[in-house]
Amino acid sequence: GRLWELTQAGVAPELIPSRLQGEYQVDESELRREVETTLEQLIQ
């Protein structure tokens, strides 16, 4: 849902993982994969 909000706000996809990492305690590489996967599902 936070990813959705950032997308709605016009945040570039490449900046979303770093934004989320500042809000959630998740490994950066894992977070990047999750963002990629979630965006792909939203597109599909």
PDB file of all heavy atoms in Angstrom:
ATOM      1  N   GLY A   1       0.823  -1.210   0.000  1.00  0.00           N
ATOM      2  CA  GLY A   1       0.000   0.000   0.000  1.00  0.00           C
ATOM      3  C   GLY A   1       0.854   1.256   0.000  1.00  0.00           C
ATOM      4  O   GLY A   1       0.537   2.242  -0.680  1.00  0.00           O
ATOM      5  N   ARG A   2       1.951   1.210   0.727  1.00  0.00           N
ATOM      6  CA  ARG A   2       2.874   2.354   0.736  1.00  0.00           C
ATOM      7  C   ARG A   2       3.526   2.513  -0.636  1.00  0.00           C
ATOM      8  O   ARG A   2       3.684   3.630  -1.124  1.00  0.00           O
ATOM      9  CB  ARG A   2       3.930   2.162   1.833  1.00  0.00           C
ATOM     10  CG  ARG A   2       4.862   3.334   1.965  1.00  0.00           C
ATOM     11  CD  ARG A   2       4.136   4.587   2.463  1.00  0.00           C
ATOM     12  NE  ARG A   2       5.092   5.664   2.586  1.00  0.00           N
ATOM     13  CZ  ARG A   2       4.984   6.838   1.964  1.00  0.00           C
ATOM     14  NH1 ARG A   2       3.931   7.114   1.231  1.00  0.00           N
ATOM     15  NH2 ARG A   2       5.904   7.754   2.106  1.00  0.00           N
ATOM     16  N   LEU A   3       3.882   1.403  -1.270  1.00  0.00           N
ATOM     17  CA  LEU A   3       4.421   1.438  -2.631  1.00  0.00           C
ATOM     18  C   LEU A   3       3.392   2.095  -3.556  1.00  0.00           C
ATOM     19  O   LEU A   3       3.742   2.930  -4.390  1.00  0.00           O
ATOM     20  CB  LEU A   3       4.757   0.028  -3.097  1.00  0.00           C
ATOM     21  CG  LEU A   3       5.378  -0.121  -4.482  1.00  0.00           C
ATOM     22  CD1 LEU A   3       6.272  -1.345  -4.512  1.00  0.00           C
ATOM     23  CD2 LEU A   3       4.358  -0.221  -5.568  1.00  0.00           C
ATOM     24  N   TRP A   4       2.130   1.733  -3.424  1.00  0.00           N
ATOM     25  CA  TRP A   4       1.061   2.325  -4.224  1.00  0.00           C
ATOM     26  C   TRP A   4       1.019   3.840  -4.015  1.00  0.00           C
ATOM     27  O   TRP A   4       0.939   4.606  -4.966  1.00  0.00           O
ATOM     28  CB  TRP A   4      -0.283   1.700  -3.855  1.00  0.00           C
ATOM     29  CG  TRP A   4      -1.443   2.351  -4.536  1.00  0.00           C
ATOM     30  CD1 TRP A   4      -2.251   3.333  -4.035  1.00  0.00           C
ATOM     31  CD2 TRP A   4      -1.912   2.097  -5.860  1.00  0.00           C
ATOM     32  NE1 TRP A   4      -3.198   3.694  -4.963  1.00  0.00           N
ATOM     33  CE2 TRP A   4      -3.005   2.948  -6.093  1.00  0.00           C
ATOM     34  CE3 TRP A   4      -1.523   1.218  -6.867  1.00  0.00           C
ATOM     35  CZ2 TRP A   4      -3.710   2.953  -7.285  1.00  0.00           C
ATOM     36  CZ3 TRP A   4      -2.232   1.227  -8.064  1.00  0.00           C
ATOM     37  CH2 TRP A   4      -3.305   2.085  -8.257  1.00  0.00           C
ATOM     38  N   GLU A   5       1.081   4.265  -2.751  1.00  0.00           N
ATOM     39  CA  GLU A   5       1.045   5.697  -2.448  1.00  0.00           C
ATOM     40  C   GLU A   5       2.213   6.433  -3.095  1.00  0.00           C
ATOM     41  O   GLU A   5       2.036   7.531  -3.645  1.00  0.00           O
ATOM     42  CB  GLU A   5       1.080   5.923  -0.937  1.00  0.00           C
ATOM     43  CG  GLU A   5      -0.186   5.502  -0.229  1.00  0.00           C
ATOM     44  CD  GLU A   5      -0.048   5.524   1.277  1.00  0.00           C
ATOM     45  OE1 GLU A   5       1.068   5.794   1.798  1.00  0.00           O
ATOM     46  OE2 GLU A   5      -1.056   5.275   1.952  1.00  0.00           O
ATOM     47  N   LEU A   6       3.402   5.858  -3.023  1.00  0.00           N
ATOM     48  CA  LEU A   6       4.579   6.483  -3.625  1.00  0.00           C
ATOM     49  C   LEU A   6       4.432   6.564  -5.144  1.00  0.00           C
ATOM     50  O   LEU A   6       4.800   7.562  -5.762  1.00  0.00           O
ATOM     51  CB  LEU A   6       5.849   5.723  -3.227  1.00  0.00           C
ATOM     52  CG  LEU A   6       6.219   5.811  -1.747  1.00  0.00           C
ATOM     53  CD1 LEU A   6       7.352   4.842  -1.419  1.00  0.00           C
ATOM     54  CD2 LEU A   6       6.592   7.226  -1.356  1.00  0.00           C
ATOM     55  N   THR A   7       3.882   5.516  -5.741  1.00  0.00           N
ATOM     56  CA  THR A   7       3.643   5.514  -7.178  1.00  0.00           C
ATOM     57  C   THR A   7       2.641   6.614  -7.541  1.00  0.00           C
ATOM     58  O   THR A   7       2.842   7.365  -8.492  1.00  0.00           O
ATOM     59  CB  THR A   7       3.128   4.137  -7.649  1.00  0.00           C
ATOM     60  OG1 THR A   7       4.108   3.151  -7.327  1.00  0.00           O
ATOM     61  CG2 THR A   7       2.858   4.112  -9.137  1.00  0.00           C
ATOM     62  N   GLN A   8       1.569   6.722  -6.762  1.00  0.00           N
ATOM     63  CA  GLN A   8       0.556   7.749  -6.990  1.00  0.00           C
ATOM     64  C   GLN A   8       1.144   9.149  -6.865  1.00  0.00           C
ATOM     65  O   GLN A   8       0.711  10.069  -7.553  1.00  0.00           O
ATOM     66  CB  GLN A   8      -0.590   7.614  -5.977  1.00  0.00           C
ATOM     67  CG  GLN A   8      -1.465   6.426  -6.180  1.00  0.00           C
ATOM     68  CD  GLN A   8      -2.432   6.654  -7.308  1.00  0.00           C
ATOM     69  OE1 GLN A   8      -2.063   6.596  -8.462  1.00  0.00           O
ATOM     70  NE2 GLN A   8      -3.663   6.941  -6.976  1.00  0.00           N
ATOM     71  N   ALA A   9       2.118   9.299  -5.981  1.00  0.00           N
ATOM     72  CA  ALA A   9       2.742  10.602  -5.755  1.00  0.00           C
ATOM     73  C   ALA A   9       3.770  10.945  -6.831  1.00  0.00           C
ATOM     74  O   ALA A   9       4.376  12.008  -6.792  1.00  0.00           O
ATOM     75  CB  ALA A   9       3.388  10.633  -4.374  1.00  0.00           C
ATOM     76  N   GLY A  10       3.994  10.021  -7.766  1.00  0.00           N
ATOM     77  CA  GLY A  10       4.915  10.286  -8.859  1.00  0.00           C
ATOM     78  C   GLY A  10       6.371   9.983  -8.559  1.00  0.00           C
ATOM     79  O   GLY A  10       7.258  10.390  -9.307  1.00  0.00           O
ATOM     80  N   VAL A  11       6.623   9.250  -7.472  1.00  0.00           N
ATOM     81  CA  VAL A  11       7.997   8.880  -7.137  1.00  0.00           C
ATOM     82  C   VAL A  11       8.497   7.873  -8.170  1.00  0.00           C
ATOM     83  O   VAL A  11       7.808   6.897  -8.474  1.00  0.00           O
ATOM     84  CB  VAL A  11       8.083   8.289  -5.707  1.00  0.00           C
ATOM     85  CG1 VAL A  11       9.486   7.799  -5.401  1.00  0.00           C
ATOM     86  CG2 VAL A  11       7.632   9.322  -4.683  1.00  0.00           C
ATOM     87  N   ALA A  12       9.670   8.114  -8.716  1.00  0.00           N
ATOM     88  CA  ALA A  12      10.250   7.218  -9.719  1.00  0.00           C
ATOM     89  C   ALA A  12      10.481   5.839  -9.109  1.00  0.00           C
ATOM     90  O   ALA A  12      10.923   5.736  -7.965  1.00  0.00           O
ATOM     91  CB  ALA A  12      11.563   7.785 -10.232  1.00  0.00           C
ATOM     92  N   PRO A  13      10.165   4.771  -9.861  1.00  0.00           N
ATOM     93  CA  PRO A  13      10.313   3.416  -9.328  1.00  0.00           C
ATOM     94  C   PRO A  13      11.702   3.116  -8.761  1.00  0.00           C
ATOM     95  O   PRO A  13      11.815   2.422  -7.750  1.00  0.00           O
ATOM     96  CB  PRO A  13      10.005   2.520 -10.526  1.00  0.00           C
ATOM     97  CG  PRO A  13       9.062   3.325 -11.342  1.00  0.00           C
ATOM     98  CD  PRO A  13       9.558   4.747 -11.197  1.00  0.00           C
ATOM     99  N   GLU A  14      12.757   3.657  -9.359  1.00  0.00           N
ATOM    100  CA  GLU A  14      14.100   3.363  -8.859  1.00  0.00           C
ATOM    101  C   GLU A  14      14.357   3.988  -7.488  1.00  0.00           C
ATOM    102  O   GLU A  14      15.260   3.557  -6.767  1.00  0.00           O
ATOM    103  CB  GLU A  14      15.181   3.794  -9.859  1.00  0.00           C
ATOM    104  CG  GLU A  14      15.341   5.288 -10.032  1.00  0.00           C
ATOM    105  CD  GLU A  14      14.529   5.866 -11.173  1.00  0.00           C
ATOM    106  OE1 GLU A  14      13.594   5.204 -11.676  1.00  0.00           O
ATOM    107  OE2 GLU A  14      14.817   7.010 -11.562  1.00  0.00           O
ATOM    108  N   LEU A  15      13.545   4.967  -7.087  1.00  0.00           N
ATOM    109  CA  LEU A  15      13.703   5.609  -5.777  1.00  0.00           C
ATOM    110  C   LEU A  15      12.848   4.964  -4.691  1.00  0.00           C
ATOM    111  O   LEU A  15      13.071   5.194  -3.509  1.00  0.00           O
ATOM    112  CB  LEU A  15      13.364   7.094  -5.879  1.00  0.00           C
ATOM    113  CG  LEU A  15      14.209   7.911  -6.852  1.00  0.00           C
ATOM    114  CD1 LEU A  15      13.718   9.347  -6.900  1.00  0.00           C
ATOM    115  CD2 LEU A  15      15.674   7.841  -6.478  1.00  0.00           C
ATOM    116  N   ILE A  16      11.876   4.166  -5.086  1.00  0.00           N
ATOM    117  CA  ILE A  16      10.951   3.576  -4.109  1.00  0.00           C
ATOM    118  C   ILE A  16      11.656   2.671  -3.100  1.00  0.00           C
ATOM    119  O   ILE A  16      11.391   2.782  -1.899  1.00  0.00           O
ATOM    120  CB  ILE A  16       9.780   2.864  -4.829  1.00  0.00           C
ATOM    121  CG1 ILE A  16       8.897   3.916  -5.511  1.00  0.00           C
ATOM    122  CG2 ILE A  16       8.959   2.020  -3.857  1.00  0.00           C
ATOM    123  CD1 ILE A  16       7.778   3.359  -6.368  1.00  0.00           C
ATOM    124  N   PRO A  17      12.575   1.768  -3.514  1.00  0.00           N
ATOM    125  CA  PRO A  17      13.219   0.923  -2.502  1.00  0.00           C
ATOM    126  C   PRO A  17      13.932   1.712  -1.406  1.00  0.00           C
ATOM    127  O   PRO A  17      13.788   1.390  -0.220  1.00  0.00           O
ATOM    128  CB  PRO A  17      14.213   0.082  -3.317  1.00  0.00           C
ATOM    129  CG  PRO A  17      13.600   0.009  -4.672  1.00  0.00           C
ATOM    130  CD  PRO A  17      12.974   1.362  -4.870  1.00  0.00           C
ATOM    131  N   SER A  18      14.631   2.770  -1.760  1.00  0.00           N
ATOM    132  CA  SER A  18      15.335   3.544  -0.730  1.00  0.00           C
ATOM    133  C   SER A  18      14.349   4.281   0.169  1.00  0.00           C
ATOM    134  O   SER A  18      14.570   4.403   1.377  1.00  0.00           O
ATOM    135  CB  SER A  18      16.342   4.514  -1.353  1.00  0.00           C
ATOM    136  OG  SER A  18      15.687   5.454  -2.169  1.00  0.00           O
ATOM    137  N   ARG A  19      13.242   4.740  -0.407  1.00  0.00           N
ATOM    138  CA  ARG A  19      12.208   5.390   0.409  1.00  0.00           C
ATOM    139  C   ARG A  19      11.615   4.405   1.417  1.00  0.00           C
ATOM    140  O   ARG A  19      11.434   4.717   2.586  1.00  0.00           O
ATOM    141  CB  ARG A  19      11.094   5.934  -0.463  1.00  0.00           C
ATOM    142  CG  ARG A  19      11.395   7.200  -1.197  1.00  0.00           C
ATOM    143  CD  ARG A  19      11.206   8.396  -0.238  1.00  0.00           C
ATOM    144  NE  ARG A  19      11.209   9.654  -0.911  1.00  0.00           N
ATOM    145  CZ  ARG A  19      10.173  10.207  -1.526  1.00  0.00           C
ATOM    146  NH1 ARG A  19       9.022   9.591  -1.593  1.00  0.00           N
ATOM    147  NH2 ARG A  19      10.294  11.387  -2.087  1.00  0.00           N
ATOM    148  N   LEU A  20      11.295   3.192   0.927  1.00  0.00           N
ATOM    149  CA  LEU A  20      10.704   2.185   1.806  1.00  0.00           C
ATOM    150  C   LEU A  20      11.694   1.705   2.853  1.00  0.00           C
ATOM    151  O   LEU A  20      11.310   1.414   3.985  1.00  0.00           O
ATOM    152  CB  LEU A  20      10.176   1.010   0.986  1.00  0.00           C
ATOM    153  CG  LEU A  20       8.942   1.282   0.125  1.00  0.00           C
ATOM    154  CD1 LEU A  20       8.609   0.072  -0.722  1.00  0.00           C
ATOM    155  CD2 LEU A  20       7.757   1.693   0.973  1.00  0.00           C
ATOM    156  N   GLN A  21      12.958   1.614   2.484  1.00  0.00           N
ATOM    157  CA  GLN A  21      13.958   1.149   3.442  1.00  0.00           C
ATOM    158  C   GLN A  21      14.062   2.113   4.618  1.00  0.00           C
ATOM    159  O   GLN A  21      14.313   1.695   5.741  1.00  0.00           O
ATOM    160  CB  GLN A  21      15.316   0.964   2.781  1.00  0.00           C
ATOM    161  CG  GLN A  21      16.282   0.254   3.700  1.00  0.00           C
ATOM    162  CD  GLN A  21      17.595  -0.043   3.023  1.00  0.00           C
ATOM    163  OE1 GLN A  21      17.992   0.662   2.108  1.00  0.00           O
ATOM    164  NE2 GLN A  21      18.248  -1.082   3.478  1.00  0.00           N
ATOM    165  N   GLY A  22      13.839   3.395   4.351  1.00  0.00           N
ATOM    166  CA  GLY A  22      13.840   4.374   5.429  1.00  0.00           C
ATOM    167  C   GLY A  22      12.658   4.220   6.371  1.00  0.00           C
ATOM    168  O   GLY A  22      12.698   4.693   7.498  1.00  0.00           O
ATOM    169  N   GLU A  23      11.617   3.529   5.919  1.00  0.00           N
ATOM    170  CA  GLU A  23      10.405   3.356   6.714  1.00  0.00           C
ATOM    171  C   GLU A  23      10.273   1.968   7.335  1.00  0.00           C
ATOM    172  O   GLU A  23       9.606   1.798   8.344  1.00  0.00           O
ATOM    173  CB  GLU A  23       9.180   3.627   5.839  1.00  0.00           C
ATOM    174  CG  GLU A  23       9.150   5.034   5.281  1.00  0.00           C
ATOM    175  CD  GLU A  23       7.996   5.268   4.322  1.00  0.00           C
ATOM    176  OE1 GLU A  23       6.959   4.590   4.453  1.00  0.00           O
ATOM    177  OE2 GLU A  23       8.143   6.137   3.434  1.00  0.00           O
ATOM    178  N   TYR A  24      10.884   0.965   6.687  1.00  0.00           N
ATOM    179  CA  TYR A  24      10.759  -0.421   7.146  1.00  0.00           C
ATOM    180  C   TYR A  24      12.148  -1.022   7.304  1.00  0.00           C
ATOM    181  O   TYR A  24      13.058  -0.710   6.551  1.00  0.00           O
ATOM    182  CB  TYR A  24       9.949  -1.262   6.142  1.00  0.00           C
ATOM    183  CG  TYR A  24       8.564  -0.733   5.916  1.00  0.00           C
ATOM    184  CD1 TYR A  24       8.284   0.089   4.827  1.00  0.00           C
ATOM    185  CD2 TYR A  24       7.520  -1.043   6.784  1.00  0.00           C
ATOM    186  CE1 TYR A  24       7.012   0.596   4.606  1.00  0.00           C
ATOM    187  CE2 TYR A  24       6.245  -0.543   6.572  1.00  0.00           C
ATOM    188  CZ  TYR A  24       6.000   0.275   5.484  1.00  0.00           C
ATOM    189  OH  TYR A  24       4.735   0.773   5.279  1.00  0.00           O
ATOM    190  N   GLN A  25      12.300  -1.913   8.246  1.00  0.00           N
ATOM    191  CA  GLN A  25      13.583  -2.567   8.499  1.00  0.00           C
ATOM    192  C   GLN A  25      13.695  -3.833   7.661  1.00  0.00           C
ATOM    193  O   GLN A  25      13.424  -4.933   8.130  1.00  0.00           O
ATOM    194  CB  GLN A  25      13.730  -2.895   9.995  1.00  0.00           C
ATOM    195  CG  GLN A  25      13.638  -1.683  10.897  1.00  0.00           C
ATOM    196  CD  GLN A  25      14.714  -0.646  10.581  1.00  0.00           C
ATOM    197  OE1 GLN A  25      15.862  -0.975  10.340  1.00  0.00           O
ATOM    198  NE2 GLN A  25      14.317   0.613  10.559  1.00  0.00           N
ATOM    199  N   VAL A  26      14.079  -3.657   6.390  1.00  0.00           N
ATOM    200  CA  VAL A  26      14.173  -4.775   5.457  1.00  0.00           C
ATOM    201  C   VAL A  26      15.489  -4.656   4.709  1.00  0.00           C
ATOM    202  O   VAL A  26      15.942  -3.555   4.403  1.00  0.00           O
ATOM    203  CB  VAL A  26      12.994  -4.753   4.449  1.00  0.00           C
ATOM    204  CG1 VAL A  26      13.075  -5.910   3.482  1.00  0.00           C
ATOM    205  CG2 VAL A  26      11.663  -4.773   5.178  1.00  0.00           C
ATOM    206  N   ASP A  27      16.101  -5.793   4.401  1.00  0.00           N
ATOM    207  CA  ASP A  27      17.329  -5.827   3.614  1.00  0.00           C
ATOM    208  C   ASP A  27      17.100  -5.140   2.269  1.00  0.00           C
ATOM    209  O   ASP A  27      16.088  -5.382   1.601  1.00  0.00           O
ATOM    210  CB  ASP A  27      17.756  -7.290   3.409  1.00  0.00           C
ATOM    211  CG  ASP A  27      18.963  -7.420   2.511  1.00  0.00           C
ATOM    212  OD1 ASP A  27      20.060  -7.023   2.942  1.00  0.00           O
ATOM    213  OD2 ASP A  27      18.783  -7.901   1.367  1.00  0.00           O
ATOM    214  N   GLU A  28      18.043  -4.294   1.850  1.00  0.00           N
ATOM    215  CA  GLU A  28      17.864  -3.501   0.628  1.00  0.00           C
ATOM    216  C   GLU A  28      17.672  -4.354  -0.621  1.00  0.00           C
ATOM    217  O   GLU A  28      16.802  -4.072  -1.443  1.00  0.00           O
ATOM    218  CB  GLU A  28      19.060  -2.572   0.422  1.00  0.00           C
ATOM    219  CG  GLU A  28      18.896  -1.653  -0.760  1.00  0.00           C
ATOM    220  CD  GLU A  28      20.045  -0.685  -0.918  1.00  0.00           C
ATOM    221  OE1 GLU A  28      20.943  -0.655  -0.068  1.00  0.00           O
ATOM    222  OE2 GLU A  28      20.034   0.035  -1.927  1.00  0.00           O
ATOM    223  N   SER A  29      18.452  -5.421  -0.777  1.00  0.00           N
ATOM    224  CA  SER A  29      18.305  -6.255  -1.975  1.00  0.00           C
ATOM    225  C   SER A  29      16.967  -6.995  -1.969  1.00  0.00           C
ATOM    226  O   SER A  29      16.319  -7.137  -3.009  1.00  0.00           O
ATOM    227  CB  SER A  29      19.474  -7.227  -2.119  1.00  0.00           C
ATOM    228  OG  SER A  29      19.531  -8.103  -1.019  1.00  0.00           O
ATOM    229  N   GLU A  30      16.539  -7.448  -0.799  1.00  0.00           N
ATOM    230  CA  GLU A  30      15.237  -8.117  -0.691  1.00  0.00           C
ATOM    231  C   GLU A  30      14.111  -7.122  -0.999  1.00  0.00           C
ATOM    232  O   GLU A  30      13.167  -7.441  -1.722  1.00  0.00           O
ATOM    233  CB  GLU A  30      15.049  -8.684   0.713  1.00  0.00           C
ATOM    234  CG  GLU A  30      13.723  -9.372   0.922  1.00  0.00           C
ATOM    235  CD  GLU A  30      13.547  -9.880   2.344  1.00  0.00           C
ATOM    236  OE1 GLU A  30      14.548 -10.124   3.031  1.00  0.00           O
ATOM    237  OE2 GLU A  30      12.383 -10.034   2.745  1.00  0.00           O
ATOM    238  N   LEU A  31      14.245  -5.918  -0.483  1.00  0.00           N
ATOM    239  CA  LEU A  31      13.237  -4.891  -0.715  1.00  0.00           C
ATOM    240  C   LEU A  31      13.146  -4.542  -2.197  1.00  0.00           C
ATOM    241  O   LEU A  31      12.051  -4.414  -2.752  1.00  0.00           O
ATOM    242  CB  LEU A  31      13.566  -3.648   0.108  1.00  0.00           C
ATOM    243  CG  LEU A  31      12.540  -2.535   0.109  1.00  0.00           C
ATOM    244  CD1 LEU A  31      11.187  -3.036   0.579  1.00  0.00           C
ATOM    245  CD2 LEU A  31      13.019  -1.410   0.992  1.00  0.00           C
ATOM    246  N   ARG A  32      14.279  -4.445  -2.864  1.00  0.00           N
ATOM    247  CA  ARG A  32      14.296  -4.141  -4.298  1.00  0.00           C
ATOM    248  C   ARG A  32      13.561  -5.233  -5.089  1.00  0.00           C
ATOM    249  O   ARG A  32      12.761  -4.944  -5.972  1.00  0.00           O
ATOM    250  CB  ARG A  32      15.732  -3.987  -4.787  1.00  0.00           C
ATOM    251  CG  ARG A  32      15.821  -3.571  -6.228  1.00  0.00           C
ATOM    252  CD  ARG A  32      17.262  -3.260  -6.620  1.00  0.00           C
ATOM    253  NE  ARG A  32      17.316  -2.762  -7.961  1.00  0.00           N
ATOM    254  CZ  ARG A  32      17.072  -1.525  -8.346  1.00  0.00           C
ATOM    255  NH1 ARG A  32      16.736  -0.627  -7.447  1.00  0.00           N
ATOM    256  NH2 ARG A  32      17.145  -1.170  -9.606  1.00  0.00           N
ATOM    257  N   ARG A  33      13.827  -6.509  -4.742  1.00  0.00           N
ATOM    258  CA  ARG A  33      13.142  -7.615  -5.416  1.00  0.00           C
ATOM    259  C   ARG A  33      11.637  -7.547  -5.181  1.00  0.00           C
ATOM    260  O   ARG A  33      10.843  -7.778  -6.086  1.00  0.00           O
ATOM    261  CB  ARG A  33      13.688  -8.965  -4.933  1.00  0.00           C
ATOM    262  CG  ARG A  33      15.000  -9.366  -5.551  1.00  0.00           C
ATOM    263  CD  ARG A  33      15.369 -10.791  -5.217  1.00  0.00           C
ATOM    264  NE  ARG A  33      15.343 -11.113  -3.789  1.00  0.00           N
ATOM    265  CZ  ARG A  33      16.352 -10.900  -2.938  1.00  0.00           C
ATOM    266  NH1 ARG A  33      17.480 -10.383  -3.375  1.00  0.00           N
ATOM    267  NH2 ARG A  33      16.246 -11.219  -1.673  1.00  0.00           N
ATOM    268  N   GLU A  34      11.244  -7.243  -3.962  1.00  0.00           N
ATOM    269  CA  GLU A  34       9.818  -7.157  -3.633  1.00  0.00           C
ATOM    270  C   GLU A  34       9.135  -6.016  -4.389  1.00  0.00           C
ATOM    271  O   GLU A  34       8.010  -6.169  -4.865  1.00  0.00           O
ATOM    272  CB  GLU A  34       9.616  -6.993  -2.127  1.00  0.00           C
ATOM    273  CG  GLU A  34       9.944  -8.231  -1.332  1.00  0.00           C
ATOM    274  CD  GLU A  34       9.017  -9.392  -1.668  1.00  0.00           C
ATOM    275  OE1 GLU A  34       7.805  -9.177  -1.864  1.00  0.00           O
ATOM    276  OE2 GLU A  34       9.516 -10.526  -1.749  1.00  0.00           O
ATOM    277  N   VAL A  35       9.821  -4.885  -4.507  1.00  0.00           N
ATOM    278  CA  VAL A  35       9.261  -3.757  -5.258  1.00  0.00           C
ATOM    279  C   VAL A  35       9.098  -4.148  -6.719  1.00  0.00           C
ATOM    280  O   VAL A  35       8.046  -3.907  -7.322  1.00  0.00           O
ATOM    281  CB  VAL A  35      10.139  -2.492  -5.100  1.00  0.00           C
ATOM    282  CG1 VAL A  35       9.748  -1.424  -6.112  1.00  0.00           C
ATOM    283  CG2 VAL A  35      10.034  -1.943  -3.684  1.00  0.00           C
ATOM    284  N   GLU A  36      10.110  -4.770  -7.292  1.00  0.00           N
ATOM    285  CA  GLU A  36      10.031  -5.212  -8.691  1.00  0.00           C
ATOM    286  C   GLU A  36       8.877  -6.180  -8.901  1.00  0.00           C
ATOM    287  O   GLU A  36       8.088  -6.041  -9.846  1.00  0.00           O
ATOM    288  CB  GLU A  36      11.345  -5.873  -9.121  1.00  0.00           C
ATOM    289  CG  GLU A  36      12.496  -4.912  -9.258  1.00  0.00           C
ATOM    290  CD  GLU A  36      13.831  -5.596  -9.462  1.00  0.00           C
ATOM    291  OE1 GLU A  36      13.928  -6.835  -9.258  1.00  0.00           O
ATOM    292  OE2 GLU A  36      14.796  -4.894  -9.810  1.00  0.00           O
ATOM    293  N   THR A  37       8.763  -7.165  -8.013  1.00  0.00           N
ATOM    294  CA  THR A  37       7.711  -8.175  -8.121  1.00  0.00           C
ATOM    295  C   THR A  37       6.325  -7.547  -7.964  1.00  0.00           C
ATOM    296  O   THR A  37       5.408  -7.840  -8.739  1.00  0.00           O
ATOM    297  CB  THR A  37       7.910  -9.277  -7.062  1.00  0.00           C
ATOM    298  OG1 THR A  37       9.177  -9.891  -7.283  1.00  0.00           O
ATOM    299  CG2 THR A  37       6.819 -10.320  -7.114  1.00  0.00           C
ATOM    300  N   THR A  38       6.173  -6.677  -6.979  1.00  0.00           N
ATOM    301  CA  THR A  38       4.874  -6.058  -6.730  1.00  0.00           C
ATOM    302  C   THR A  38       4.460  -5.163  -7.892  1.00  0.00           C
ATOM    303  O   THR A  38       3.312  -5.210  -8.342  1.00  0.00           O
ATOM    304  CB  THR A  38       4.885  -5.265  -5.412  1.00  0.00           C
ATOM    305  OG1 THR A  38       5.231  -6.163  -4.346  1.00  0.00           O
ATOM    306  CG2 THR A  38       3.536  -4.632  -5.118  1.00  0.00           C
ATOM    307  N   LEU A  39       5.395  -4.368  -8.407  1.00  0.00           N
ATOM    308  CA  LEU A  39       5.066  -3.514  -9.550  1.00  0.00           C
ATOM    309  C   LEU A  39       4.678  -4.354 -10.759  1.00  0.00           C
ATOM    310  O   LEU A  39       3.728  -4.015 -11.480  1.00  0.00           O
ATOM    311  CB  LEU A  39       6.227  -2.587  -9.890  1.00  0.00           C
ATOM    312  CG  LEU A  39       6.387  -1.369  -8.985  1.00  0.00           C
ATOM    313  CD1 LEU A  39       7.658  -0.616  -9.324  1.00  0.00           C
ATOM    314  CD2 LEU A  39       5.182  -0.454  -9.071  1.00  0.00           C
ATOM    315  N   GLU A  40       5.375  -5.459 -10.980  1.00  0.00           N
ATOM    316  CA  GLU A  40       5.040  -6.322 -12.113  1.00  0.00           C
ATOM    317  C   GLU A  40       3.629  -6.892 -11.953  1.00  0.00           C
ATOM    318  O   GLU A  40       2.859  -6.957 -12.910  1.00  0.00           O
ATOM    319  CB  GLU A  40       6.063  -7.443 -12.262  1.00  0.00           C
ATOM    320  CG  GLU A  40       5.926  -8.222 -13.540  1.00  0.00           C
ATOM    321  CD  GLU A  40       6.042  -7.375 -14.806  1.00  0.00           C
ATOM    322  OE1 GLU A  40       6.940  -6.524 -14.902  1.00  0.00           O
ATOM    323  OE2 GLU A  40       5.200  -7.560 -15.719  1.00  0.00           O
ATOM    324  N   GLN A  41       3.265  -7.292 -10.736  1.00  0.00           N
ATOM    325  CA  GLN A  41       1.916  -7.806 -10.493  1.00  0.00           C
ATOM    326  C   GLN A  41       0.858  -6.720 -10.705  1.00  0.00           C
ATOM    327  O   GLN A  41      -0.217  -6.976 -11.258  1.00  0.00           O
ATOM    328  CB  GLN A  41       1.807  -8.379  -9.084  1.00  0.00           C
ATOM    329  CG  GLN A  41       2.590  -9.657  -8.910  1.00  0.00           C
ATOM    330  CD  GLN A  41       2.635 -10.114  -7.464  1.00  0.00           C
ATOM    331  OE1 GLN A  41       2.357  -9.351  -6.539  1.00  0.00           O
ATOM    332  NE2 GLN A  41       3.011 -11.368  -7.264  1.00  0.00           N
ATOM    333  N   LEU A  42       1.166  -5.501 -10.276  1.00  0.00           N
ATOM    334  CA  LEU A  42       0.240  -4.390 -10.487  1.00  0.00           C
ATOM    335  C   LEU A  42       0.060  -4.118 -11.980  1.00  0.00           C
ATOM    336  O   LEU A  42      -1.045  -3.835 -12.443  1.00  0.00           O
ATOM    337  CB  LEU A  42       0.737  -3.140  -9.759  1.00  0.00           C
ATOM    338  CG  LEU A  42       0.706  -3.189  -8.231  1.00  0.00           C
ATOM    339  CD1 LEU A  42       1.407  -1.966  -7.645  1.00  0.00           C
ATOM    340  CD2 LEU A  42      -0.708  -3.308  -7.702  1.00  0.00           C
ATOM    341  N   ILE A  43       1.143  -4.221 -12.741  1.00  0.00           N
ATOM    342  CA  ILE A  43       1.066  -4.038 -14.190  1.00  0.00           C
ATOM    343  C   ILE A  43       0.242  -5.153 -14.827  1.00  0.00           C
ATOM    344  O   ILE A  43      -0.623  -4.899 -15.664  1.00  0.00           O
ATOM    345  CB  ILE A  43       2.487  -3.970 -14.803  1.00  0.00           C
ATOM    346  CG1 ILE A  43       3.158  -2.659 -14.401  1.00  0.00           C
ATOM    347  CG2 ILE A  43       2.445  -4.124 -16.321  1.00  0.00           C
ATOM    348  CD1 ILE A  43       4.648  -2.607 -14.691  1.00  0.00           C
ATOM    349  N   GLN A  44       0.508  -6.388 -14.429  1.00  0.00           N
ATOM    350  CA  GLN A  44      -0.217  -7.532 -15.002  1.00  0.00           C
ATOM    351  C   GLN A  44      -1.719  -7.436 -14.759  1.00  0.00           C
ATOM    352  O   GLN A  44      -2.520  -7.902 -15.573  1.00  0.00           O
ATOM    353  CB  GLN A  44       0.329  -8.843 -14.447  1.00  0.00           C
ATOM    354  CG  GLN A  44       1.692  -9.191 -14.979  1.00  0.00           C
ATOM    355  CD  GLN A  44       2.274 -10.427 -14.299  1.00  0.00           C
ATOM    356  OE1 GLN A  44       1.645 -11.044 -13.446  1.00  0.00           O
ATOM    357  NE2 GLN A  44       3.481 -10.783 -14.694  1.00  0.00           N
TER     358      GLN A  44
END
